[in-house]
């Protein structure tokens, strides 16, 4: 079993031991994912580049915890919806390669509609 599959199993076991599947509907999982992402963003809010570097040093464990929360919500949401997350990511990379060809997008941060 892959490490990915083992982590998903641990997430399921944690959820199921607490009988939380009844609360983990797609909308609620998506909202939870957004909330966890907002908690990560809050750590960097109003910080310049130098301050961001310091925050990463000072609050590394908290940052890792927020990233882990985001990852757990995403992994469980994908699992609950029967989405092969790694395949979906690979497909999206291919789509993005079409939208953002290197010769037009290299070194630029504009949306594909502006290339």
C-alpha atoms as a PDB file:
ATOM      1  CA  UNK A   1       0.000   0.000   0.000  1.00  0.00           C
ATOM      2  CA  UNK A   2       1.366   3.435  -0.906  1.00  0.00           C
ATOM      3  CA  UNK A   3       2.073   6.088   1.704  1.00  0.00           C
ATOM      4  CA  UNK A   4      -0.744   8.134   0.152  1.00  0.00           C
ATOM      5  CA  UNK A   5      -3.220   5.278   0.646  1.00  0.00           C
ATOM      6  CA  UNK A   6      -2.021   4.738   4.218  1.00  0.00           C
ATOM      7  CA  UNK A   7      -2.594   8.405   5.078  1.00  0.00           C
ATOM      8  CA  UNK A   8      -6.098   8.286   3.571  1.00  0.00           C
ATOM      9  CA  UNK A   9      -6.789   5.172   5.657  1.00  0.00           C
ATOM     10  CA  UNK A  10      -5.632   6.995   8.813  1.00  0.00           C
ATOM     11  CA  UNK A  11      -7.918   9.930   7.997  1.00  0.00           C
ATOM     12  CA  UNK A  12     -10.872   7.568   7.490  1.00  0.00           C
ATOM     13  CA  UNK A  13     -10.112   5.691  10.725  1.00  0.00           C
ATOM     14  CA  UNK A  14      -9.892   8.952  12.701  1.00  0.00           C
ATOM     15  CA  UNK A  15     -13.186  10.184  11.207  1.00  0.00           C
ATOM     16  CA  UNK A  16     -15.021   6.884  11.576  1.00  0.00           C
ATOM     17  CA  UNK A  17     -13.918   6.311  15.200  1.00  0.00           C
ATOM     18  CA  UNK A  18     -15.707   9.573  16.004  1.00  0.00           C
ATOM     19  CA  UNK A  19     -18.752   8.888  13.801  1.00  0.00           C
ATOM     20  CA  UNK A  20     -18.123  12.118  11.880  1.00  0.00           C
ATOM     21  CA  UNK A  21     -18.925  10.905   8.361  1.00  0.00           C
ATOM     22  CA  UNK A  22     -22.492  12.084   8.984  1.00  0.00           C
ATOM     23  CA  UNK A  23     -21.144  15.656   9.034  1.00  0.00           C
ATOM     24  CA  UNK A  24     -18.687  15.376   6.147  1.00  0.00           C
ATOM     25  CA  UNK A  25     -20.907  16.309   3.210  1.00  0.00           C
ATOM     26  CA  UNK A  26     -19.172  17.791   0.156  1.00  0.00           C
ATOM     27  CA  UNK A  27     -20.280  21.359   0.890  1.00  0.00           C
ATOM     28  CA  UNK A  28     -19.127  21.166   4.495  1.00  0.00           C
ATOM     29  CA  UNK A  29     -15.792  19.655   3.517  1.00  0.00           C
ATOM     30  CA  UNK A  30     -15.263  22.372   0.890  1.00  0.00           C
ATOM     31  CA  UNK A  31     -16.141  25.072   3.435  1.00  0.00           C
ATOM     32  CA  UNK A  32     -13.822  23.478   5.987  1.00  0.00           C
ATOM     33  CA  UNK A  33     -11.047  23.400   3.410  1.00  0.00           C
ATOM     34  CA  UNK A  34     -11.530  27.109   2.706  1.00  0.00           C
ATOM     35  CA  UNK A  35     -11.536  27.919   6.424  1.00  0.00           C
ATOM     36  CA  UNK A  36      -8.299  26.030   6.985  1.00  0.00           C
ATOM     37  CA  UNK A  37      -6.733  27.819   4.001  1.00  0.00           C
ATOM     38  CA  UNK A  38      -7.868  31.142   5.501  1.00  0.00           C
ATOM     39  CA  UNK A  39      -6.195  30.229   8.796  1.00  0.00           C
ATOM     40  CA  UNK A  40      -2.932  29.688   6.910  1.00  0.00           C
ATOM     41  CA  UNK A  41      -3.355  32.968   5.012  1.00  0.00           C
ATOM     42  CA  UNK A  42      -4.006  34.830   8.258  1.00  0.00           C
ATOM     43  CA  UNK A  43      -0.478  34.031   9.443  1.00  0.00           C
ATOM     44  CA  UNK A  44       0.931  36.042   6.525  1.00  0.00           C
ATOM     45  CA  UNK A  45      -1.656  38.819   6.391  1.00  0.00           C
ATOM     46  CA  UNK A  46      -0.151  42.322   6.179  1.00  0.00           C
ATOM     47  CA  UNK A  47       3.406  40.985   6.262  1.00  0.00           C
ATOM     48  CA  UNK A  48       6.073  42.153   3.818  1.00  0.00           C
ATOM     49  CA  UNK A  49       8.606  39.680   2.385  1.00  0.00           C
ATOM     50  CA  UNK A  50      11.059  40.121   5.254  1.00  0.00           C
ATOM     51  CA  UNK A  51       8.313  39.654   7.850  1.00  0.00           C
ATOM     52  CA  UNK A  52       7.021  36.582   6.003  1.00  0.00           C
ATOM     53  CA  UNK A  53      10.465  34.987   6.219  1.00  0.00           C
ATOM     54  CA  UNK A  54      10.525  35.650   9.961  1.00  0.00           C
ATOM     55  CA  UNK A  55       6.995  34.234  10.399  1.00  0.00           C
ATOM     56  CA  UNK A  56       8.081  31.007   8.684  1.00  0.00           C
ATOM     57  CA  UNK A  57      10.960  30.721  11.154  1.00  0.00           C
ATOM     58  CA  UNK A  58       8.964  31.645  14.262  1.00  0.00           C
ATOM     59  CA  UNK A  59       5.699  29.862  13.498  1.00  0.00           C
ATOM     60  CA  UNK A  60       6.890  26.855  11.518  1.00  0.00           C
ATOM     61  CA  UNK A  61       4.933  24.300  13.575  1.00  0.00           C
ATOM     62  CA  UNK A  62       1.711  26.321  13.323  1.00  0.00           C
ATOM     63  CA  UNK A  63       2.216  26.704   9.561  1.00  0.00           C
ATOM     64  CA  UNK A  64       2.803  22.956   9.231  1.00  0.00           C
ATOM     65  CA  UNK A  65      -0.358  22.266  11.249  1.00  0.00           C
ATOM     66  CA  UNK A  66      -2.453  24.526   9.006  1.00  0.00           C
ATOM     67  CA  UNK A  67      -1.000  22.945   5.866  1.00  0.00           C
ATOM     68  CA  UNK A  68      -1.760  19.509   7.345  1.00  0.00           C
ATOM     69  CA  UNK A  69      -5.355  20.542   8.075  1.00  0.00           C
ATOM     70  CA  UNK A  70      -5.731  21.708   4.476  1.00  0.00           C
ATOM     71  CA  UNK A  71      -4.227  18.459   3.213  1.00  0.00           C
ATOM     72  CA  UNK A  72      -6.473  16.293   5.383  1.00  0.00           C
ATOM     73  CA  UNK A  73      -9.617  18.116   4.285  1.00  0.00           C
ATOM     74  CA  UNK A  74      -8.566  17.830   0.636  1.00  0.00           C
ATOM     75  CA  UNK A  75      -7.635  14.152   0.867  1.00  0.00           C
ATOM     76  CA  UNK A  76     -10.871  13.265   2.611  1.00  0.00           C
ATOM     77  CA  UNK A  77     -13.000  15.331   0.234  1.00  0.00           C
ATOM     78  CA  UNK A  78     -11.399  13.601  -2.744  1.00  0.00           C
ATOM     79  CA  UNK A  79     -11.852  10.210  -1.082  1.00  0.00           C
ATOM     80  CA  UNK A  80     -15.492  10.902  -0.197  1.00  0.00           C
ATOM     81  CA  UNK A  81     -16.234  11.979  -3.781  1.00  0.00           C
ATOM     82  CA  UNK A  82     -14.320   9.039  -5.253  1.00  0.00           C
ATOM     83  CA  UNK A  83     -11.877  11.379  -6.977  1.00  0.00           C
ATOM     84  CA  UNK A  84      -8.426   9.989  -7.706  1.00  0.00           C
ATOM     85  CA  UNK A  85      -6.603  13.078  -6.468  1.00  0.00           C
ATOM     86  CA  UNK A  86      -3.251  12.281  -8.038  1.00  0.00           C
ATOM     87  CA  UNK A  87      -4.838  11.577 -11.434  1.00  0.00           C
ATOM     88  CA  UNK A  88      -6.887  14.767 -11.162  1.00  0.00           C
ATOM     89  CA  UNK A  89      -3.711  16.739 -10.404  1.00  0.00           C
ATOM     90  CA  UNK A  90      -1.888  15.204 -13.351  1.00  0.00           C
ATOM     91  CA  UNK A  91      -4.817  15.992 -15.670  1.00  0.00           C
ATOM     92  CA  UNK A  92      -4.919  19.574 -14.389  1.00  0.00           C
ATOM     93  CA  UNK A  93      -1.186  20.008 -15.009  1.00  0.00           C
ATOM     94  CA  UNK A  94      -1.803  18.992 -18.620  1.00  0.00           C
ATOM     95  CA  UNK A  95      -4.705  21.445 -18.938  1.00  0.00           C
ATOM     96  CA  UNK A  96      -2.564  24.206 -17.438  1.00  0.00           C
ATOM     97  CA  UNK A  97       0.245  23.412 -19.867  1.00  0.00           C
ATOM     98  CA  UNK A  98      -2.196  24.087 -22.703  1.00  0.00           C
ATOM     99  CA  UNK A  99      -3.442  27.336 -21.152  1.00  0.00           C
ATOM    100  CA  UNK A 100       0.020  28.544 -20.148  1.00  0.00           C
ATOM    101  CA  UNK A 101       2.494  27.635 -22.898  1.00  0.00           C
ATOM    102  CA  UNK A 102       6.075  28.314 -21.817  1.00  0.00           C
ATOM    103  CA  UNK A 103       6.796  30.687 -24.694  1.00  0.00           C
ATOM    104  CA  UNK A 104       3.902  32.958 -23.660  1.00  0.00           C
ATOM    105  CA  UNK A 105       3.853  32.617 -19.888  1.00  0.00           C
ATOM    106  CA  UNK A 106       7.469  32.251 -18.753  1.00  0.00           C
ATOM    107  CA  UNK A 107       8.236  34.883 -16.138  1.00  0.00           C
ATOM    108  CA  UNK A 108       4.726  36.358 -16.294  1.00  0.00           C
ATOM    109  CA  UNK A 109       2.001  36.193 -13.651  1.00  0.00           C
ATOM    110  CA  UNK A 110      -1.006  37.076 -15.767  1.00  0.00           C
ATOM    111  CA  UNK A 111      -4.066  34.893 -16.275  1.00  0.00           C
ATOM    112  CA  UNK A 112      -4.101  32.770 -19.422  1.00  0.00           C
ATOM    113  CA  UNK A 113      -6.813  34.986 -20.928  1.00  0.00           C
ATOM    114  CA  UNK A 114      -4.296  37.848 -20.962  1.00  0.00           C
ATOM    115  CA  UNK A 115      -1.412  36.000 -22.648  1.00  0.00           C
END
